[in-house]
Amino acid sequence: MTAPTPMLAQQAQSAKSRMPDDDLIERLVRERMAERFEKEAFHWRFRLIAVETILMGLLVLTAGLVLRQPTPLVLHASVLVSASCLASGICLLELSKWTTRLVDRIKRRWRP
């Protein structure tokens, strides 16, 4: 077996220096995973709000019809409750997103 030539040793050293650091790769993977999970969480919350909106509207509709209230009044109340439920849910969703961003910024600022 022959000893490596200086040229091969230099190439091997430069290849080692070009290899990314494991900590850097791990940090990048964590950041990408956090972004993905944040997007998925937003979608799940929005689905929950949509289901909640539909259920509240149907609940008001069925309660009004079971109590034999006038149909136009029941339909109006059902739409009004659904719209307000959707609006308040979206407001809470946005407030939650902004709060999460604010907490992340505060954490980054206080890290050494």
N, C-alpha and C. Protein backbone atom coordinates (compact mmCIF):
# COMPACT_ATOMS: atom_id res chain seq x y z
N MET A 1 0.84 -1.17 0.00
CA MET A 1 0.00 0.00 0.00
C MET A 1 0.89 1.23 0.00
N THR A 2 0.54 2.18 -0.83
CA THR A 2 1.38 3.37 -0.94
C THR A 2 0.81 4.48 -0.08
N ALA A 3 1.68 5.37 0.32
CA ALA A 3 1.26 6.52 1.13
C ALA A 3 0.55 7.53 0.24
N PRO A 4 -0.43 8.24 0.77
CA PRO A 4 -1.14 9.22 -0.05
C PRO A 4 -0.22 10.36 -0.46
N THR A 5 -0.39 10.79 -1.66
CA THR A 5 0.42 11.90 -2.15
C THR A 5 -0.07 13.19 -1.51
N PRO A 6 0.76 14.21 -1.51
CA PRO A 6 0.32 15.48 -0.92
C PRO A 6 -0.92 16.05 -1.61
N MET A 7 -1.02 15.79 -2.90
CA MET A 7 -2.18 16.29 -3.64
C MET A 7 -3.46 15.61 -3.14
N LEU A 8 -3.42 14.28 -2.95
CA LEU A 8 -4.59 13.56 -2.45
C LEU A 8 -4.93 13.97 -1.03
N ALA A 9 -3.93 14.18 -0.21
CA ALA A 9 -4.16 14.62 1.16
C ALA A 9 -4.83 15.99 1.18
N GLN A 10 -4.38 16.86 0.28
CA GLN A 10 -4.96 18.20 0.21
C GLN A 10 -6.42 18.13 -0.27
N GLN A 11 -6.70 17.26 -1.25
CA GLN A 11 -8.07 17.11 -1.73
C GLN A 11 -8.97 16.54 -0.64
N ALA A 12 -8.46 15.59 0.10
CA ALA A 12 -9.25 15.00 1.19
C ALA A 12 -9.54 16.05 2.26
N GLN A 13 -8.55 16.87 2.57
CA GLN A 13 -8.74 17.92 3.58
C GLN A 13 -9.77 18.95 3.11
N SER A 14 -9.70 19.33 1.83
CA SER A 14 -10.66 20.33 1.33
C SER A 14 -12.07 19.74 1.27
N ALA A 15 -12.18 18.43 0.98
CA ALA A 15 -13.49 17.78 0.97
C ALA A 15 -14.08 17.76 2.37
N LYS A 16 -13.24 17.52 3.38
CA LYS A 16 -13.71 17.52 4.76
C LYS A 16 -14.19 18.91 5.16
N SER A 17 -13.48 19.94 4.73
CA SER A 17 -13.86 21.29 5.12
C SER A 17 -15.14 21.73 4.41
N ARG A 18 -15.45 21.14 3.24
CA ARG A 18 -16.67 21.49 2.53
C ARG A 18 -17.90 20.77 3.09
N MET A 19 -17.71 19.70 3.82
CA MET A 19 -18.83 18.96 4.37
C MET A 19 -19.54 19.81 5.42
N PRO A 20 -20.85 19.92 5.34
CA PRO A 20 -21.57 20.73 6.32
C PRO A 20 -21.50 20.13 7.71
N ASP A 21 -21.59 20.97 8.66
CA ASP A 21 -21.54 20.55 10.05
C ASP A 21 -22.84 19.84 10.43
N ASP A 22 -22.72 18.80 11.24
CA ASP A 22 -23.91 18.05 11.66
C ASP A 22 -24.88 18.93 12.44
N ASP A 23 -24.37 19.83 13.25
CA ASP A 23 -25.25 20.73 14.00
C ASP A 23 -26.05 21.63 13.07
N LEU A 24 -25.41 22.10 12.02
CA LEU A 24 -26.10 22.95 11.06
C LEU A 24 -27.22 22.18 10.37
N ILE A 25 -26.94 20.96 9.96
CA ILE A 25 -27.95 20.13 9.31
C ILE A 25 -29.11 19.87 10.26
N GLU A 26 -28.78 19.55 11.49
CA GLU A 26 -29.82 19.27 12.48
C GLU A 26 -30.70 20.50 12.73
N ARG A 27 -30.08 21.67 12.79
CA ARG A 27 -30.83 22.91 13.01
C ARG A 27 -31.74 23.19 11.82
N LEU A 28 -31.24 22.99 10.59
CA LEU A 28 -32.05 23.22 9.40
C LEU A 28 -33.24 22.26 9.34
N VAL A 29 -33.00 21.01 9.71
CA VAL A 29 -34.09 20.02 9.71
C VAL A 29 -35.14 20.41 10.74
N ARG A 30 -34.70 20.84 11.93
CA ARG A 30 -35.64 21.26 12.97
C ARG A 30 -36.47 22.45 12.52
N GLU A 31 -35.83 23.41 11.87
CA GLU A 31 -36.56 24.60 11.40
C GLU A 31 -37.60 24.23 10.35
N ARG A 32 -37.23 23.37 9.42
CA ARG A 32 -38.19 22.95 8.39
C ARG A 32 -39.34 22.16 8.98
N MET A 33 -39.03 21.30 9.94
CA MET A 33 -40.09 20.54 10.60
C MET A 33 -41.02 21.46 11.37
N ALA A 34 -40.45 22.46 12.04
CA ALA A 34 -41.28 23.41 12.80
C ALA A 34 -42.21 24.18 11.87
N GLU A 35 -41.70 24.61 10.71
CA GLU A 35 -42.54 25.31 9.75
C GLU A 35 -43.68 24.42 9.26
N ARG A 36 -43.33 23.19 8.95
CA ARG A 36 -44.35 22.25 8.44
C ARG A 36 -45.42 21.98 9.50
N PHE A 37 -44.98 21.73 10.73
CA PHE A 37 -45.94 21.45 11.79
C PHE A 37 -46.81 22.66 12.10
N GLU A 38 -46.23 23.87 11.99
CA GLU A 38 -47.01 25.07 12.23
C GLU A 38 -48.10 25.23 11.17
N LYS A 39 -47.77 24.95 9.91
CA LYS A 39 -48.77 25.01 8.85
C LYS A 39 -49.86 23.97 9.05
N GLU A 40 -49.45 22.76 9.41
CA GLU A 40 -50.43 21.70 9.64
C GLU A 40 -51.34 22.03 10.81
N ALA A 41 -50.77 22.61 11.86
CA ALA A 41 -51.57 22.99 13.03
C ALA A 41 -52.59 24.06 12.65
N PHE A 42 -52.19 25.01 11.80
CA PHE A 42 -53.11 26.04 11.35
C PHE A 42 -54.28 25.42 10.59
N HIS A 43 -53.98 24.47 9.71
CA HIS A 43 -55.05 23.83 8.93
C HIS A 43 -55.99 23.03 9.83
N TRP A 44 -55.43 22.33 10.81
CA TRP A 44 -56.27 21.56 11.72
C TRP A 44 -57.16 22.48 12.53
N ARG A 45 -56.63 23.60 13.00
CA ARG A 45 -57.45 24.54 13.76
C ARG A 45 -58.56 25.12 12.89
N PHE A 46 -58.24 25.43 11.64
CA PHE A 46 -59.26 25.97 10.75
C PHE A 46 -60.36 24.94 10.50
N ARG A 47 -60.00 23.69 10.34
CA ARG A 47 -61.00 22.63 10.17
C ARG A 47 -61.90 22.53 11.40
N LEU A 48 -61.28 22.64 12.56
CA LEU A 48 -62.05 22.59 13.80
C LEU A 48 -63.05 23.74 13.87
N ILE A 49 -62.61 24.92 13.47
CA ILE A 49 -63.51 26.08 13.46
C ILE A 49 -64.66 25.86 12.47
N ALA A 50 -64.36 25.30 11.31
CA ALA A 50 -65.40 25.06 10.31
C ALA A 50 -66.43 24.06 10.83
N VAL A 51 -65.98 22.99 11.44
CA VAL A 51 -66.90 21.99 11.98
C VAL A 51 -67.74 22.60 13.11
N GLU A 52 -67.09 23.37 13.96
CA GLU A 52 -67.79 24.02 15.07
C GLU A 52 -68.86 24.98 14.54
N THR A 53 -68.53 25.71 13.50
CA THR A 53 -69.48 26.65 12.90
C THR A 53 -70.71 25.92 12.36
N ILE A 54 -70.47 24.85 11.65
CA ILE A 54 -71.59 24.08 11.08
C ILE A 54 -72.45 23.48 12.19
N LEU A 55 -71.81 22.94 13.21
CA LEU A 55 -72.57 22.33 14.30
C LEU A 55 -73.41 23.35 15.05
N MET A 56 -72.85 24.52 15.31
CA MET A 56 -73.63 25.55 16.02
C MET A 56 -74.82 26.03 15.19
N GLY A 57 -74.60 26.20 13.88
CA GLY A 57 -75.71 26.60 13.01
C GLY A 57 -76.80 25.57 12.96
N LEU A 58 -76.40 24.30 12.85
CA LEU A 58 -77.40 23.21 12.83
C LEU A 58 -78.11 23.08 14.17
N LEU A 59 -77.40 23.31 15.26
CA LEU A 59 -78.01 23.23 16.58
C LEU A 59 -79.10 24.29 16.74
N VAL A 60 -78.81 25.51 16.33
CA VAL A 60 -79.81 26.58 16.41
C VAL A 60 -80.98 26.28 15.48
N LEU A 61 -80.67 25.79 14.29
CA LEU A 61 -81.73 25.46 13.33
C LEU A 61 -82.67 24.38 13.86
N THR A 62 -82.10 23.28 14.35
CA THR A 62 -82.94 22.18 14.85
C THR A 62 -83.69 22.59 16.11
N ALA A 63 -83.05 23.35 16.99
CA ALA A 63 -83.74 23.78 18.21
C ALA A 63 -84.93 24.68 17.86
N GLY A 64 -84.70 25.59 16.92
CA GLY A 64 -85.80 26.47 16.52
C GLY A 64 -86.94 25.72 15.86
N LEU A 65 -86.60 24.75 15.02
CA LEU A 65 -87.65 23.98 14.35
C LEU A 65 -88.38 23.06 15.32
N VAL A 66 -87.66 22.47 16.27
CA VAL A 66 -88.30 21.60 17.25
C VAL A 66 -89.23 22.41 18.15
N LEU A 67 -88.87 23.63 18.46
CA LEU A 67 -89.71 24.49 19.29
C LEU A 67 -90.80 25.19 18.49
N ARG A 68 -90.93 24.84 17.21
CA ARG A 68 -91.97 25.35 16.31
C ARG A 68 -91.97 26.88 16.19
N GLN A 69 -90.79 27.42 16.06
CA GLN A 69 -90.64 28.85 15.81
C GLN A 69 -90.84 29.12 14.32
N PRO A 70 -91.13 30.36 13.94
CA PRO A 70 -91.30 30.68 12.51
C PRO A 70 -90.02 30.37 11.73
N THR A 71 -90.17 29.68 10.61
CA THR A 71 -89.02 29.21 9.83
C THR A 71 -88.10 30.33 9.37
N PRO A 72 -88.58 31.46 8.84
CA PRO A 72 -87.65 32.52 8.44
C PRO A 72 -86.83 33.06 9.61
N LEU A 73 -87.47 33.16 10.77
CA LEU A 73 -86.76 33.63 11.96
C LEU A 73 -85.67 32.64 12.37
N VAL A 74 -85.99 31.35 12.31
CA VAL A 74 -85.02 30.30 12.67
C VAL A 74 -83.85 30.29 11.69
N LEU A 75 -84.15 30.40 10.41
CA LEU A 75 -83.08 30.42 9.40
C LEU A 75 -82.18 31.64 9.59
N HIS A 76 -82.79 32.78 9.86
CA HIS A 76 -82.01 34.00 10.08
C HIS A 76 -81.10 33.83 11.31
N ALA A 77 -81.65 33.31 12.37
CA ALA A 77 -80.86 33.11 13.60
C ALA A 77 -79.75 32.10 13.37
N SER A 78 -80.04 31.06 12.63
CA SER A 78 -79.03 30.03 12.35
C SER A 78 -77.86 30.60 11.56
N VAL A 79 -78.16 31.39 10.53
CA VAL A 79 -77.11 32.01 9.72
C VAL A 79 -76.31 33.00 10.56
N LEU A 80 -77.00 33.77 11.38
CA LEU A 80 -76.34 34.76 12.23
C LEU A 80 -75.39 34.09 13.23
N VAL A 81 -75.84 33.02 13.85
CA VAL A 81 -74.99 32.30 14.80
C VAL A 81 -73.79 31.67 14.08
N SER A 82 -74.01 31.09 12.92
CA SER A 82 -72.91 30.48 12.17
C SER A 82 -71.88 31.53 11.76
N ALA A 83 -72.35 32.67 11.28
CA ALA A 83 -71.43 33.72 10.85
C ALA A 83 -70.63 34.28 12.03
N SER A 84 -71.29 34.48 13.15
CA SER A 84 -70.55 35.01 14.31
C SER A 84 -69.58 33.98 14.87
N CYS A 85 -69.96 32.72 14.82
CA CYS A 85 -69.06 31.65 15.28
C CYS A 85 -67.82 31.57 14.38
N LEU A 86 -68.03 31.66 13.07
CA LEU A 86 -66.91 31.63 12.14
C LEU A 86 -66.00 32.84 12.33
N ALA A 87 -66.59 34.02 12.47
CA ALA A 87 -65.79 35.24 12.63
C ALA A 87 -64.97 35.20 13.93
N SER A 88 -65.58 34.79 15.02
CA SER A 88 -64.85 34.73 16.28
C SER A 88 -63.78 33.65 16.25
N GLY A 89 -64.05 32.54 15.59
CA GLY A 89 -63.04 31.48 15.47
C GLY A 89 -61.85 31.92 14.65
N ILE A 90 -62.08 32.63 13.56
CA ILE A 90 -60.97 33.12 12.74
C ILE A 90 -60.17 34.17 13.51
N CYS A 91 -60.87 35.03 14.26
CA CYS A 91 -60.15 36.01 15.09
C CYS A 91 -59.27 35.31 16.12
N LEU A 92 -59.79 34.29 16.76
CA LEU A 92 -58.98 33.55 17.73
C LEU A 92 -57.80 32.84 17.07
N LEU A 93 -58.03 32.33 15.88
CA LEU A 93 -56.96 31.66 15.14
C LEU A 93 -55.83 32.63 14.81
N GLU A 94 -56.18 33.79 14.32
CA GLU A 94 -55.16 34.80 14.00
C GLU A 94 -54.46 35.30 15.26
N LEU A 95 -55.21 35.51 16.32
CA LEU A 95 -54.61 35.95 17.58
C LEU A 95 -53.63 34.92 18.11
N SER A 96 -53.98 33.66 17.98
CA SER A 96 -53.09 32.58 18.40
C SER A 96 -51.81 32.58 17.57
N LYS A 97 -51.93 32.79 16.26
CA LYS A 97 -50.76 32.81 15.38
C LYS A 97 -49.85 33.97 15.73
N TRP A 98 -50.43 35.15 15.94
CA TRP A 98 -49.62 36.33 16.28
C TRP A 98 -48.93 36.15 17.64
N THR A 99 -49.64 35.55 18.59
CA THR A 99 -49.05 35.33 19.91
C THR A 99 -47.89 34.36 19.82
N THR A 100 -48.03 33.32 19.03
CA THR A 100 -46.94 32.36 18.85
C THR A 100 -45.72 33.03 18.24
N ARG A 101 -45.92 33.86 17.25
CA ARG A 101 -44.80 34.58 16.63
C ARG A 101 -44.13 35.52 17.63
N LEU A 102 -44.93 36.21 18.43
CA LEU A 102 -44.37 37.12 19.42
C LEU A 102 -43.54 36.37 20.46
N VAL A 103 -44.05 35.25 20.92
CA VAL A 103 -43.30 34.45 21.90
C VAL A 103 -42.00 33.93 21.30
N ASP A 104 -42.03 33.51 20.03
CA ASP A 104 -40.82 33.05 19.36
C ASP A 104 -39.78 34.17 19.27
N ARG A 105 -40.23 35.37 18.93
CA ARG A 105 -39.30 36.50 18.85
C ARG A 105 -38.69 36.82 20.21
N ILE A 106 -39.52 36.77 21.24
CA ILE A 106 -39.01 37.04 22.59
C ILE A 106 -38.00 35.98 23.00
N LYS A 107 -38.28 34.72 22.70
CA LYS A 107 -37.34 33.64 23.02
C LYS A 107 -36.02 33.81 22.29
N ARG A 108 -36.09 34.18 21.01
CA ARG A 108 -34.85 34.38 20.23
C ARG A 108 -34.02 35.53 20.79
N ARG A 109 -34.70 36.57 21.24
CA ARG A 109 -33.98 37.74 21.75
C ARG A 109 -33.27 37.41 23.07
N TRP A 110 -33.88 36.56 23.90
CA TRP A 110 -33.30 36.27 25.20
C TRP A 110 -32.28 35.13 25.17
N ARG A 111 -32.14 34.45 24.04
CA ARG A 111 -31.13 33.39 23.95
C ARG A 111 -29.74 33.99 23.91
N PRO A 112 -28.79 33.32 24.54
CA PRO A 112 -27.41 33.86 24.51
C PRO A 112 -26.75 33.71 23.16
